Amino acid sequence: MDLAAAVAAAADTLTFDTETLRFLGCDEADAIARVLAAGGHTDAAVAVLRGHARSDEDGDAHDGLDADGFTAYAAALLRG
């Protein structure tokens, strides 16, 4: 399996496992979303961030983002 195929498989798996995503830390969610977005799976990256954000508290990195905010955040991860 090449890297692109692995990222695609991860995108499918991670976006459906929202229960696990809420247990990730912000840095972990960002790292996974960065890999997905870099592989061309922006929708999956946003889904990971949204799933994780369900457990964010006030002031956490993903707290209070709306749909456009998650998309912009995923794009910013690629810029570093």
C-alpha atoms as a PDB file:
ATOM      1  CA  MET A   1       0.000   0.000   0.000  1.00  0.00           C
ATOM      2  CA  ASP A   2       1.443   3.359  -0.982  1.00  0.00           C
ATOM      3  CA  LEU A   3       1.188   6.443   1.204  1.00  0.00           C
ATOM      4  CA  ALA A   4      -1.749   7.929  -0.700  1.00  0.00           C
ATOM      5  CA  ALA A   5      -3.739   4.708  -0.302  1.00  0.00           C
ATOM      6  CA  ALA A   6      -2.850   4.530   3.390  1.00  0.00           C
ATOM      7  CA  VAL A   7      -4.000   8.107   3.948  1.00  0.00           C
ATOM      8  CA  ALA A   8      -7.252   7.395   2.090  1.00  0.00           C
ATOM      9  CA  ALA A   9      -7.872   4.305   4.232  1.00  0.00           C
ATOM     10  CA  ALA A  10      -7.136   6.287   7.395  1.00  0.00           C
ATOM     11  CA  ALA A  11      -9.497   9.027   6.252  1.00  0.00           C
ATOM     12  CA  ASP A  12     -12.338   6.563   5.868  1.00  0.00           C
ATOM     13  CA  THR A  13     -11.665   4.872   9.202  1.00  0.00           C
ATOM     14  CA  LEU A  14     -11.020   7.963  11.304  1.00  0.00           C
ATOM     15  CA  THR A  15     -14.013   9.944  10.148  1.00  0.00           C
ATOM     16  CA  PHE A  16     -16.391   7.187  11.216  1.00  0.00           C
ATOM     17  CA  ASP A  17     -14.791   6.599  14.620  1.00  0.00           C
ATOM     18  CA  THR A  18     -15.986   9.801  16.258  1.00  0.00           C
ATOM     19  CA  GLU A  19     -16.038   8.230  19.710  1.00  0.00           C
ATOM     20  CA  THR A  20     -12.251   7.758  19.619  1.00  0.00           C
ATOM     21  CA  LEU A  21     -11.605  11.211  18.147  1.00  0.00           C
ATOM     22  CA  ARG A  22     -12.911  12.980  21.222  1.00  0.00           C
ATOM     23  CA  PHE A  23     -10.172  11.359  23.309  1.00  0.00           C
ATOM     24  CA  LEU A  24      -7.350  12.806  21.204  1.00  0.00           C
ATOM     25  CA  GLY A  25      -5.406  15.780  22.447  1.00  0.00           C
ATOM     26  CA  CYS A  26      -5.361  18.926  20.324  1.00  0.00           C
ATOM     27  CA  ASP A  27      -1.830  18.240  19.065  1.00  0.00           C
ATOM     28  CA  GLU A  28      -2.758  14.680  18.096  1.00  0.00           C
ATOM     29  CA  ALA A  29      -5.892  15.806  16.257  1.00  0.00           C
ATOM     30  CA  ASP A  30      -3.895  18.475  14.455  1.00  0.00           C
ATOM     31  CA  ALA A  31      -1.231  15.960  13.387  1.00  0.00           C
ATOM     32  CA  ILE A  32      -3.798  13.533  11.988  1.00  0.00           C
ATOM     33  CA  ALA A  33      -5.709  16.338  10.251  1.00  0.00           C
ATOM     34  CA  ARG A  34      -2.456  17.680   8.758  1.00  0.00           C
ATOM     35  CA  VAL A  35      -1.614  14.298   7.211  1.00  0.00           C
ATOM     36  CA  LEU A  36      -5.127  13.888   5.832  1.00  0.00           C
ATOM     37  CA  ALA A  37      -5.195  17.412   4.376  1.00  0.00           C
ATOM     38  CA  ALA A  38      -1.725  16.980   2.870  1.00  0.00           C
ATOM     39  CA  GLY A  39      -2.986  13.814   1.193  1.00  0.00           C
ATOM     40  CA  GLY A  40      -5.852  15.719  -0.392  1.00  0.00           C
ATOM     41  CA  HIS A  41      -8.497  14.612   2.109  1.00  0.00           C
ATOM     42  CA  THR A  42      -9.574  17.998   3.447  1.00  0.00           C
ATOM     43  CA  ASP A  43     -13.103  16.806   4.238  1.00  0.00           C
ATOM     44  CA  ALA A  44     -11.685  13.967   6.328  1.00  0.00           C
ATOM     45  CA  ALA A  45      -9.303  16.378   8.063  1.00  0.00           C
ATOM     46  CA  VAL A  46     -12.247  18.606   8.966  1.00  0.00           C
ATOM     47  CA  ALA A  47     -14.211  15.569  10.196  1.00  0.00           C
ATOM     48  CA  VAL A  48     -11.319  14.572  12.463  1.00  0.00           C
ATOM     49  CA  LEU A  49     -11.088  18.085  13.878  1.00  0.00           C
ATOM     50  CA  ARG A  50     -14.841  18.282  14.415  1.00  0.00           C
ATOM     51  CA  GLY A  51     -14.937  14.879  16.101  1.00  0.00           C
ATOM     52  CA  HIS A  52     -12.092  15.849  18.374  1.00  0.00           C
ATOM     53  CA  ALA A  53     -13.579  19.269  19.160  1.00  0.00           C
ATOM     54  CA  ARG A  54     -16.612  17.647  20.771  1.00  0.00           C
ATOM     55  CA  SER A  55     -14.457  17.236  23.860  1.00  0.00           C
ATOM     56  CA  ASP A  56     -12.623  20.575  23.727  1.00  0.00           C
ATOM     57  CA  GLU A  57     -13.078  22.881  26.660  1.00  0.00           C
ATOM     58  CA  ASP A  58     -13.271  26.670  26.662  1.00  0.00           C
ATOM     59  CA  GLY A  59     -10.056  28.094  25.286  1.00  0.00           C
ATOM     60  CA  ASP A  60      -8.849  24.904  23.568  1.00  0.00           C
ATOM     61  CA  ALA A  61      -7.582  25.258  20.010  1.00  0.00           C
ATOM     62  CA  HIS A  62     -10.746  23.964  18.324  1.00  0.00           C
ATOM     63  CA  ASP A  63     -13.339  25.328  20.736  1.00  0.00           C
ATOM     64  CA  GLY A  64     -16.019  27.456  19.120  1.00  0.00           C
ATOM     65  CA  LEU A  65     -15.085  26.838  15.473  1.00  0.00           C
ATOM     66  CA  ASP A  66     -17.952  26.695  12.994  1.00  0.00           C
ATOM     67  CA  ALA A  67     -17.935  24.764   9.694  1.00  0.00           C
ATOM     68  CA  ASP A  68     -15.960  27.467   7.879  1.00  0.00           C
ATOM     69  CA  GLY A  69     -13.626  27.776  10.835  1.00  0.00           C
ATOM     70  CA  PHE A  70     -12.751  24.076  10.742  1.00  0.00           C
ATOM     71  CA  THR A  71     -12.043  24.277   7.001  1.00  0.00           C
ATOM     72  CA  ALA A  72      -9.826  27.331   7.471  1.00  0.00           C
ATOM     73  CA  TYR A  73      -8.067  25.674  10.412  1.00  0.00           C
ATOM     74  CA  ALA A  74      -7.332  22.550   8.326  1.00  0.00           C
ATOM     75  CA  ALA A  75      -5.912  24.744   5.538  1.00  0.00           C
ATOM     76  CA  ALA A  76      -3.747  26.619   8.049  1.00  0.00           C
ATOM     77  CA  LEU A  77      -2.263  23.324   9.271  1.00  0.00           C
ATOM     78  CA  LEU A  78      -0.763  22.849   5.807  1.00  0.00           C
ATOM     79  CA  ARG A  79       0.876  26.252   5.916  1.00  0.00           C
ATOM     80  CA  GLY A  80       2.571  25.339   9.161  1.00  0.00           C
END
